[in-house]
All heavy atoms as atom14 arrays in JSON, in Angstrom:
{
  "sequence": "ELITPLRQQVDLDAAGRLRLQSDRVHTLEFRRLHDDVPFCL",
  "atom14_mask": [
    [1, 1, 1, 1, 1, 1, 1, 1, 1, 0, 0, 0, 0, 0],
    [1, 1, 1, 1, 1, 1, 1, 1, 0, 0, 0, 0, 0, 0],
    [1, 1, 1, 1, 1, 1, 1, 1, 0, 0, 0, 0, 0, 0],
    [1, 1, 1, 1, 1, 1, 1, 0, 0, 0, 0, 0, 0, 0],
    [1, 1, 1, 1, 1, 1, 1, 0, 0, 0, 0, 0, 0, 0],
    [1, 1, 1, 1, 1, 1, 1, 1, 0, 0, 0, 0, 0, 0],
    [1, 1, 1, 1, 1, 1, 1, 1, 1, 1, 1, 0, 0, 0],
    [1, 1, 1, 1, 1, 1, 1, 1, 1, 0, 0, 0, 0, 0],
    [1, 1, 1, 1, 1, 1, 1, 1, 1, 0, 0, 0, 0, 0],
    [1, 1, 1, 1, 1, 1, 1, 0, 0, 0, 0, 0, 0, 0],
    [1, 1, 1, 1, 1, 1, 1, 1, 0, 0, 0, 0, 0, 0],
    [1, 1, 1, 1, 1, 1, 1, 1, 0, 0, 0, 0, 0, 0],
    [1, 1, 1, 1, 1, 1, 1, 1, 0, 0, 0, 0, 0, 0],
    [1, 1, 1, 1, 1, 0, 0, 0, 0, 0, 0, 0, 0, 0],
    [1, 1, 1, 1, 1, 0, 0, 0, 0, 0, 0, 0, 0, 0],
    [1, 1, 1, 1, 0, 0, 0, 0, 0, 0, 0, 0, 0, 0],
    [1, 1, 1, 1, 1, 1, 1, 1, 1, 1, 1, 0, 0, 0],
    [1, 1, 1, 1, 1, 1, 1, 1, 0, 0, 0, 0, 0, 0],
    [1, 1, 1, 1, 1, 1, 1, 1, 1, 1, 1, 0, 0, 0],
    [1, 1, 1, 1, 1, 1, 1, 1, 0, 0, 0, 0, 0, 0],
    [1, 1, 1, 1, 1, 1, 1, 1, 1, 0, 0, 0, 0, 0],
    [1, 1, 1, 1, 1, 1, 0, 0, 0, 0, 0, 0, 0, 0],
    [1, 1, 1, 1, 1, 1, 1, 1, 0, 0, 0, 0, 0, 0],
    [1, 1, 1, 1, 1, 1, 1, 1, 1, 1, 1, 0, 0, 0],
    [1, 1, 1, 1, 1, 1, 1, 0, 0, 0, 0, 0, 0, 0],
    [1, 1, 1, 1, 1, 1, 1, 1, 1, 1, 0, 0, 0, 0],
    [1, 1, 1, 1, 1, 1, 1, 0, 0, 0, 0, 0, 0, 0],
    [1, 1, 1, 1, 1, 1, 1, 1, 0, 0, 0, 0, 0, 0],
    [1, 1, 1, 1, 1, 1, 1, 1, 1, 0, 0, 0, 0, 0],
    [1, 1, 1, 1, 1, 1, 1, 1, 1, 1, 1, 0, 0, 0],
    [1, 1, 1, 1, 1, 1, 1, 1, 1, 1, 1, 0, 0, 0],
    [1, 1, 1, 1, 1, 1, 1, 1, 1, 1, 1, 0, 0, 0],
    [1, 1, 1, 1, 1, 1, 1, 1, 0, 0, 0, 0, 0, 0],
    [1, 1, 1, 1, 1, 1, 1, 1, 1, 1, 0, 0, 0, 0],
    [1, 1, 1, 1, 1, 1, 1, 1, 0, 0, 0, 0, 0, 0],
    [1, 1, 1, 1, 1, 1, 1, 1, 0, 0, 0, 0, 0, 0],
    [1, 1, 1, 1, 1, 1, 1, 0, 0, 0, 0, 0, 0, 0],
    [1, 1, 1, 1, 1, 1, 1, 0, 0, 0, 0, 0, 0, 0],
    [1, 1, 1, 1, 1, 1, 1, 1, 1, 1, 1, 0, 0, 0],
    [1, 1, 1, 1, 1, 1, 0, 0, 0, 0, 0, 0, 0, 0],
    [1, 1, 1, 1, 1, 1, 1, 1, 0, 0, 0, 0, 0, 0]
  ],
  "atom14_positions": [
    [[110.48, 4.23, -128.82], [109.76, 5.22, -129.62], [110.43, 5.33, -130.98], [111.6, 5.73, -131.08], [109.76, 6.58, -128.93], [109.01, 7.64, -129.7], [109.05, 8.99, -129.01], [110.17, 9.52, -128.8], [107.98, 9.51, -128.66], [0.0, 0.0, 0.0], [0.0, 0.0, 0.0], [0.0, 0.0, 0.0], [0.0, 0.0, 0.0], [0.0, 0.0, 0.0]],
    [[109.71, 4.97, -132.03], [110.28, 4.96, -133.37], [110.43, 6.37, -133.91], [109.49, 7.15, -133.91], [109.38, 4.14, -134.3], [109.93, 3.87, -135.71], [111.19, 3.01, -135.64], [108.86, 3.19, -136.56], [0.0, 0.0, 0.0], [0.0, 0.0, 0.0], [0.0, 0.0, 0.0], [0.0, 0.0, 0.0], [0.0, 0.0, 0.0], [0.0, 0.0, 0.0]],
    [[111.62, 6.7, -134.38], [111.9, 8.02, -134.95], [111.89, 7.96, -136.47], [111.17, 8.68, -137.15], [113.23, 8.57, -134.42], [113.13, 8.8, -132.91], [113.61, 9.87, -135.15], [114.44, 9.19, -132.27], [0.0, 0.0, 0.0], [0.0, 0.0, 0.0], [0.0, 0.0, 0.0], [0.0, 0.0, 0.0], [0.0, 0.0, 0.0], [0.0, 0.0, 0.0]],
    [[112.72, 7.07, -137.01], [112.78, 6.87, -138.47], [112.36, 5.45, -138.78], [113.01, 4.5, -138.34], [114.21, 7.12, -139.0], [114.64, 8.42, -138.6], [114.22, 7.02, -140.52], [0.0, 0.0, 0.0], [0.0, 0.0, 0.0], [0.0, 0.0, 0.0], [0.0, 0.0, 0.0], [0.0, 0.0, 0.0], [0.0, 0.0, 0.0], [0.0, 0.0, 0.0]],
    [[111.26, 5.25, -139.53], [110.76, 3.9, -139.81], [111.76, 3.07, -140.61], [112.67, 3.59, -141.25], [109.49, 4.17, -140.62], [109.11, 5.57, -140.33], [110.4, 6.3, -140.1], [0.0, 0.0, 0.0], [0.0, 0.0, 0.0], [0.0, 0.0, 0.0], [0.0, 0.0, 0.0], [0.0, 0.0, 0.0], [0.0, 0.0, 0.0], [0.0, 0.0, 0.0]],
    [[111.54, 1.77, -140.57], [112.37, 0.83, -141.3], [112.33, 1.14, -142.8], [111.26, 1.31, -143.38], [111.86, -0.6, -141.06], [112.67, -1.74, -141.69], [114.04, -1.84, -141.03], [111.91, -3.05, -141.55], [0.0, 0.0, 0.0], [0.0, 0.0, 0.0], [0.0, 0.0, 0.0], [0.0, 0.0, 0.0], [0.0, 0.0, 0.0], [0.0, 0.0, 0.0]],
    [[113.5, 1.21, -143.42], [113.6, 1.53, -144.83], [114.9, 0.94, -145.37], [115.77, 0.53, -144.6], [113.6, 3.04, -145.06], [114.85, 3.73, -144.51], [114.7, 5.22, -144.41], [115.95, 5.89, -144.1], [116.51, 5.91, -142.89], [115.94, 5.28, -141.88], [117.66, 6.55, -142.69], [0.0, 0.0, 0.0], [0.0, 0.0, 0.0], [0.0, 0.0, 0.0]],
    [[115.04, 0.92, -146.68], [116.29, 0.49, -147.31], [117.11, 1.69, -147.72], [116.56, 2.71, -148.15], [116.0, -0.37, -148.54], [115.47, -1.74, -148.23], [115.52, -2.65, -149.45], [116.57, -2.83, -150.05], [114.38, -3.21, -149.81], [0.0, 0.0, 0.0], [0.0, 0.0, 0.0], [0.0, 0.0, 0.0], [0.0, 0.0, 0.0], [0.0, 0.0, 0.0]],
    [[118.43, 1.59, -147.59], [119.32, 2.64, -148.04], [120.71, 2.07, -148.26], [121.02, 0.96, -147.83], [119.38, 3.79, -147.02], [120.14, 3.45, -145.75], [120.28, 4.66, -144.83], [119.34, 5.43, -144.66], [121.45, 4.81, -144.23], [0.0, 0.0, 0.0], [0.0, 0.0, 0.0], [0.0, 0.0, 0.0], [0.0, 0.0, 0.0], [0.0, 0.0, 0.0]],
    [[121.53, 2.84, -148.94], [122.93, 2.46, -149.15], [123.76, 2.97, -147.98], [123.7, 4.14, -147.62], [123.47, 3.05, -150.47], [124.97, 2.81, -150.58], [122.74, 2.44, -151.66], [0.0, 0.0, 0.0], [0.0, 0.0, 0.0], [0.0, 0.0, 0.0], [0.0, 0.0, 0.0], [0.0, 0.0, 0.0], [0.0, 0.0, 0.0], [0.0, 0.0, 0.0]],
    [[124.49, 2.07, -147.35], [125.38, 2.44, -146.25], [126.61, 1.54, -146.34], [126.56, 0.36, -145.95], [124.69, 2.28, -144.9], [125.47, 2.93, -143.77], [126.63, 2.52, -143.54], [124.93, 3.85, -143.12], [0.0, 0.0, 0.0], [0.0, 0.0, 0.0], [0.0, 0.0, 0.0], [0.0, 0.0, 0.0], [0.0, 0.0, 0.0], [0.0, 0.0, 0.0]],
    [[127.7, 2.08, -146.86], [128.9, 1.29, -147.11], [129.5, 0.73, -145.82], [129.91, -0.43, -145.77], [129.94, 2.13, -147.84], [129.54, 2.68, -149.21], [130.67, 3.51, -149.8], [129.18, 1.54, -150.15], [0.0, 0.0, 0.0], [0.0, 0.0, 0.0], [0.0, 0.0, 0.0], [0.0, 0.0, 0.0], [0.0, 0.0, 0.0], [0.0, 0.0, 0.0]],
    [[129.55, 1.55, -144.78], [130.16, 1.11, -143.53], [129.37, -0.01, -142.89], [129.93, -1.05, -142.52], [130.28, 2.29, -142.56], [130.9, 1.87, -141.23], [132.09, 1.5, -141.23], [130.19, 1.9, -140.2], [0.0, 0.0, 0.0], [0.0, 0.0, 0.0], [0.0, 0.0, 0.0], [0.0, 0.0, 0.0], [0.0, 0.0, 0.0], [0.0, 0.0, 0.0]],
    [[128.06, 0.17, -142.76], [127.22, -0.85, -142.14], [127.23, -2.14, -142.95], [127.33, -3.24, -142.39], [125.8, -0.34, -141.97], [0.0, 0.0, 0.0], [0.0, 0.0, 0.0], [0.0, 0.0, 0.0], [0.0, 0.0, 0.0], [0.0, 0.0, 0.0], [0.0, 0.0, 0.0], [0.0, 0.0, 0.0], [0.0, 0.0, 0.0], [0.0, 0.0, 0.0]],
    [[127.15, -2.02, -144.28], [127.16, -3.21, -145.14], [128.47, -3.98, -144.98], [128.49, -5.21, -144.95], [126.95, -2.8, -146.59], [0.0, 0.0, 0.0], [0.0, 0.0, 0.0], [0.0, 0.0, 0.0], [0.0, 0.0, 0.0], [0.0, 0.0, 0.0], [0.0, 0.0, 0.0], [0.0, 0.0, 0.0], [0.0, 0.0, 0.0], [0.0, 0.0, 0.0]],
    [[129.58, -3.25, -144.88], [130.86, -3.9, -144.69], [130.95, -4.62, -143.36], [131.44, -5.75, -143.29], [0.0, 0.0, 0.0], [0.0, 0.0, 0.0], [0.0, 0.0, 0.0], [0.0, 0.0, 0.0], [0.0, 0.0, 0.0], [0.0, 0.0, 0.0], [0.0, 0.0, 0.0], [0.0, 0.0, 0.0], [0.0, 0.0, 0.0], [0.0, 0.0, 0.0]],
    [[130.46, -3.99, -142.31], [130.51, -4.61, -140.99], [129.59, -5.82, -140.9], [129.86, -6.77, -140.14], [130.15, -3.58, -139.92], [131.15, -2.44, -139.81], [130.75, -1.41, -138.77], [130.79, -1.97, -137.43], [130.48, -1.28, -136.33], [130.1, 0.0, -136.44], [130.52, -1.84, -135.14], [0.0, 0.0, 0.0], [0.0, 0.0, 0.0], [0.0, 0.0, 0.0]],
    [[128.51, -5.8, -141.67], [127.58, -6.93, -141.71], [128.02, -8.01, -142.69], [127.33, -9.01, -142.85], [126.17, -6.45, -142.07], [125.43, -5.66, -140.99], [124.22, -4.96, -141.58], [125.02, -6.57, -139.84], [0.0, 0.0, 0.0], [0.0, 0.0, 0.0], [0.0, 0.0, 0.0], [0.0, 0.0, 0.0], [0.0, 0.0, 0.0], [0.0, 0.0, 0.0]],
    [[129.16, -7.78, -143.36], [129.74, -8.73, -144.31], [128.8, -9.03, -145.48], [128.63, -10.19, -145.89], [130.16, -10.03, -143.6], [131.11, -9.83, -142.43], [131.92, -11.08, -142.16], [131.13, -12.24, -141.85], [130.82, -12.66, -140.62], [131.25, -11.97, -139.57], [130.11, -13.75, -140.44], [0.0, 0.0, 0.0], [0.0, 0.0, 0.0], [0.0, 0.0, 0.0]],
    [[128.17, -7.98, -146.01], [127.22, -8.14, -147.11], [127.92, -8.03, -148.46], [128.96, -7.36, -148.59], [126.13, -7.07, -147.02], [125.28, -7.07, -145.74], [124.28, -5.92, -145.78], [124.55, -8.41, -145.58], [0.0, 0.0, 0.0], [0.0, 0.0, 0.0], [0.0, 0.0, 0.0], [0.0, 0.0, 0.0], [0.0, 0.0, 0.0], [0.0, 0.0, 0.0]],
    [[127.35, -8.65, -149.47], [127.87, -8.57, -150.82], [127.49, -7.25, -151.49], [128.2, -6.76, -152.36], [127.35, -9.75, -151.65], [127.8, -11.12, -151.15], [129.31, -11.29, -151.22], [129.96, -10.88, -152.18], [129.88, -11.9, -150.18], [0.0, 0.0, 0.0], [0.0, 0.0, 0.0], [0.0, 0.0, 0.0], [0.0, 0.0, 0.0], [0.0, 0.0, 0.0]],
    [[126.33, -6.69, -151.11], [125.89, -5.42, -151.67], [126.06, -4.32, -150.63], [126.46, -4.58, -149.49], [124.42, -5.5, -152.11], [123.58, -5.55, -150.97], [0.0, 0.0, 0.0], [0.0, 0.0, 0.0], [0.0, 0.0, 0.0], [0.0, 0.0, 0.0], [0.0, 0.0, 0.0], [0.0, 0.0, 0.0], [0.0, 0.0, 0.0], [0.0, 0.0, 0.0]],
    [[125.74, -3.08, -151.02], [125.89, -1.94, -150.11], [124.56, -1.5, -149.51], [124.51, -0.52, -148.77], [126.5, -0.74, -150.87], [127.89, -1.06, -151.4], [128.6, -1.83, -150.72], [128.25, -0.55, -152.47], [0.0, 0.0, 0.0], [0.0, 0.0, 0.0], [0.0, 0.0, 0.0], [0.0, 0.0, 0.0], [0.0, 0.0, 0.0], [0.0, 0.0, 0.0]],
    [[123.49, -2.21, -149.8], [122.17, -1.83, -149.31], [121.85, -2.58, -148.02], [122.13, -3.77, -147.87], [121.08, -2.11, -150.35], [121.25, -1.31, -151.63], [120.02, -1.41, -152.51], [118.87, -0.75, -151.92], [118.65, 0.57, -152.01], [119.49, 1.34, -152.68], [117.58, 1.1, -151.46], [0.0, 0.0, 0.0], [0.0, 0.0, 0.0], [0.0, 0.0, 0.0]],
    [[121.26, -1.84, -147.08], [120.85, -2.42, -145.8], [119.45, -1.9, -145.46], [118.99, -0.91, -146.02], [121.82, -2.03, -144.65], [123.21, -2.59, -144.9], [121.88, -0.5, -144.49], [0.0, 0.0, 0.0], [0.0, 0.0, 0.0], [0.0, 0.0, 0.0], [0.0, 0.0, 0.0], [0.0, 0.0, 0.0], [0.0, 0.0, 0.0], [0.0, 0.0, 0.0]],
    [[118.78, -2.58, -144.55], [117.58, -2.05, -143.94], [118.01, -1.31, -142.68], [118.9, -1.78, -141.95], [116.62, -3.17, -143.55], [115.77, -3.67, -144.69], [116.28, -4.36, -145.76], [114.43, -3.55, -144.91], [115.31, -4.68, -146.6], [114.18, -4.2, -146.11], [0.0, 0.0, 0.0], [0.0, 0.0, 0.0], [0.0, 0.0, 0.0], [0.0, 0.0, 0.0]],
    [[117.43, -0.16, -142.42], [117.82, 0.61, -141.25], [116.62, 1.3, -140.63], [115.61, 1.56, -141.31], [118.9, 1.65, -141.61], [119.32, 2.33, -140.42], [118.38, 2.66, -142.61], [0.0, 0.0, 0.0], [0.0, 0.0, 0.0], [0.0, 0.0, 0.0], [0.0, 0.0, 0.0], [0.0, 0.0, 0.0], [0.0, 0.0, 0.0], [0.0, 0.0, 0.0]],
    [[116.7, 1.58, -139.35], [115.68, 2.34, -138.62], [116.35, 3.01, -137.44], [117.46, 2.66, -137.05], [114.54, 1.42, -138.16], [114.89, 0.27, -137.21], [114.76, 0.7, -135.74], [113.97, -0.92, -137.45], [0.0, 0.0, 0.0], [0.0, 0.0, 0.0], [0.0, 0.0, 0.0], [0.0, 0.0, 0.0], [0.0, 0.0, 0.0], [0.0, 0.0, 0.0]],
    [[115.67, 3.99, -136.87], [116.21, 4.73, -135.73], [115.11, 4.88, -134.68], [113.96, 5.15, -135.0], [116.7, 6.12, -136.17], [117.39, 6.92, -135.08], [117.86, 8.28, -135.59], [117.08, 8.93, -136.33], [118.98, 8.7, -135.25], [0.0, 0.0, 0.0], [0.0, 0.0, 0.0], [0.0, 0.0, 0.0], [0.0, 0.0, 0.0], [0.0, 0.0, 0.0]],
    [[115.49, 4.68, -133.44], [114.52, 4.84, -132.35], [115.24, 5.33, -131.09], [116.47, 5.25, -130.99], [113.79, 3.52, -132.06], [114.69, 2.41, -131.55], [114.98, 2.28, -130.19], [115.24, 1.48, -132.43], [115.79, 1.26, -129.73], [116.06, 0.46, -131.97], [116.33, 0.35, -130.62], [0.0, 0.0, 0.0], [0.0, 0.0, 0.0], [0.0, 0.0, 0.0]],
    [[114.47, 5.84, -130.17], [115.03, 6.15, -128.87], [114.28, 5.33, -127.82], [113.12, 4.94, -128.04], [114.95, 7.64, -128.54], [113.55, 8.22, -128.42], [113.62, 9.7, -128.04], [112.27, 10.27, -127.88], [112.05, 11.5, -127.44], [113.07, 12.29, -127.14], [110.81, 11.94, -127.3], [0.0, 0.0, 0.0], [0.0, 0.0, 0.0], [0.0, 0.0, 0.0]],
    [[114.94, 5.06, -126.73], [114.33, 4.27, -125.67], [114.15, 5.16, -124.44], [115.03, 5.97, -124.11], [115.17, 3.04, -125.35], [114.4, 1.98, -124.58], [115.08, 0.62, -124.64], [114.84, -0.07, -125.9], [113.73, -0.72, -126.19], [112.72, -0.75, -125.34], [113.61, -1.35, -127.35], [0.0, 0.0, 0.0], [0.0, 0.0, 0.0], [0.0, 0.0, 0.0]],
    [[112.98, 5.0, -123.81], [112.62, 5.85, -122.68], [112.31, 5.01, -121.45], [111.81, 3.88, -121.56], [111.39, 6.72, -123.0], [111.44, 7.58, -124.26], [110.84, 6.85, -125.44], [110.72, 8.9, -124.05], [0.0, 0.0, 0.0], [0.0, 0.0, 0.0], [0.0, 0.0, 0.0], [0.0, 0.0, 0.0], [0.0, 0.0, 0.0], [0.0, 0.0, 0.0]],
    [[112.59, 5.58, -120.29], [112.19, 4.99, -119.02], [111.41, 6.05, -118.25], [111.93, 7.15, -117.98], [113.42, 4.55, -118.22], [113.08, 4.0, -116.86], [112.42, 2.8, -116.69], [113.3, 4.49, -115.62], [112.25, 2.57, -115.41], [112.78, 3.58, -114.74], [0.0, 0.0, 0.0], [0.0, 0.0, 0.0], [0.0, 0.0, 0.0], [0.0, 0.0, 0.0]],
    [[110.16, 5.76, -117.91], [109.28, 6.75, -117.28], [109.23, 8.03, -118.1], [109.3, 9.14, -117.57], [109.74, 7.05, -115.85], [109.52, 5.87, -114.91], [108.65, 5.04, -115.22], [110.21, 5.8, -113.88], [0.0, 0.0, 0.0], [0.0, 0.0, 0.0], [0.0, 0.0, 0.0], [0.0, 0.0, 0.0], [0.0, 0.0, 0.0], [0.0, 0.0, 0.0]],
    [[109.15, 7.87, -119.44], [109.07, 8.98, -120.39], [110.33, 9.83, -120.47], [110.32, 10.91, -121.08], [107.86, 9.88, -120.09], [106.55, 9.28, -120.57], [106.59, 8.5, -121.55], [105.51, 9.57, -119.98], [0.0, 0.0, 0.0], [0.0, 0.0, 0.0], [0.0, 0.0, 0.0], [0.0, 0.0, 0.0], [0.0, 0.0, 0.0], [0.0, 0.0, 0.0]],
    [[111.4, 9.37, -119.87], [112.68, 10.09, -119.94], [113.58, 9.37, -120.95], [113.92, 8.19, -120.75], [113.38, 10.15, -118.57], [114.74, 10.85, -118.7], [112.5, 10.88, -117.57], [0.0, 0.0, 0.0], [0.0, 0.0, 0.0], [0.0, 0.0, 0.0], [0.0, 0.0, 0.0], [0.0, 0.0, 0.0], [0.0, 0.0, 0.0], [0.0, 0.0, 0.0]],
    [[113.97, 10.03, -122.06], [114.85, 9.37, -123.04], [116.25, 9.18, -122.48], [116.81, 10.07, -121.85], [114.85, 10.35, -124.22], [114.53, 11.68, -123.62], [113.62, 11.41, -122.47], [0.0, 0.0, 0.0], [0.0, 0.0, 0.0], [0.0, 0.0, 0.0], [0.0, 0.0, 0.0], [0.0, 0.0, 0.0], [0.0, 0.0, 0.0], [0.0, 0.0, 0.0]],
    [[116.8, 8.0, -122.7], [118.17, 7.73, -122.21], [119.06, 7.14, -123.28], [120.26, 7.01, -123.08], [118.13, 6.81, -120.99], [117.64, 5.42, -121.26], [118.51, 4.41, -121.65], [116.29, 5.12, -121.12], [118.04, 3.13, -121.9], [115.82, 3.83, -121.37], [116.7, 2.83, -121.75], [0.0, 0.0, 0.0], [0.0, 0.0, 0.0], [0.0, 0.0, 0.0]],
    [[118.5, 6.79, -124.45], [119.3, 6.11, -125.45], [118.72, 6.36, -126.83], [117.5, 6.34, -127.02], [119.31, 4.61, -125.15], [120.02, 3.57, -126.44], [0.0, 0.0, 0.0], [0.0, 0.0, 0.0], [0.0, 0.0, 0.0], [0.0, 0.0, 0.0], [0.0, 0.0, 0.0], [0.0, 0.0, 0.0], [0.0, 0.0, 0.0], [0.0, 0.0, 0.0]],
    [[119.59, 6.62, -127.81], [119.2, 6.76, -129.2], [119.95, 5.69, -130.0], [121.17, 5.61, -129.92], [119.54, 8.15, -129.74], [119.16, 8.42, -131.19], [117.64, 8.5, -131.34], [119.8, 9.71, -131.7], [0.0, 0.0, 0.0], [0.0, 0.0, 0.0], [0.0, 0.0, 0.0], [0.0, 0.0, 0.0], [0.0, 0.0, 0.0], [0.0, 0.0, 0.0]]
  ]
}
C-alpha cells in the first residue's frame, strides 16, 4: 500500500550509502499488509 508516492528529494545519508555523486535521490514510502493487517513500513 503506497503511502508517499515516488518523488525526488535531497537526502545526504541515503545518497552517501548509495555512493552517489549528488545528494538527490528518488524515494517512496509504503507499508505491506497480510490479510489487511499491516506488518511492515
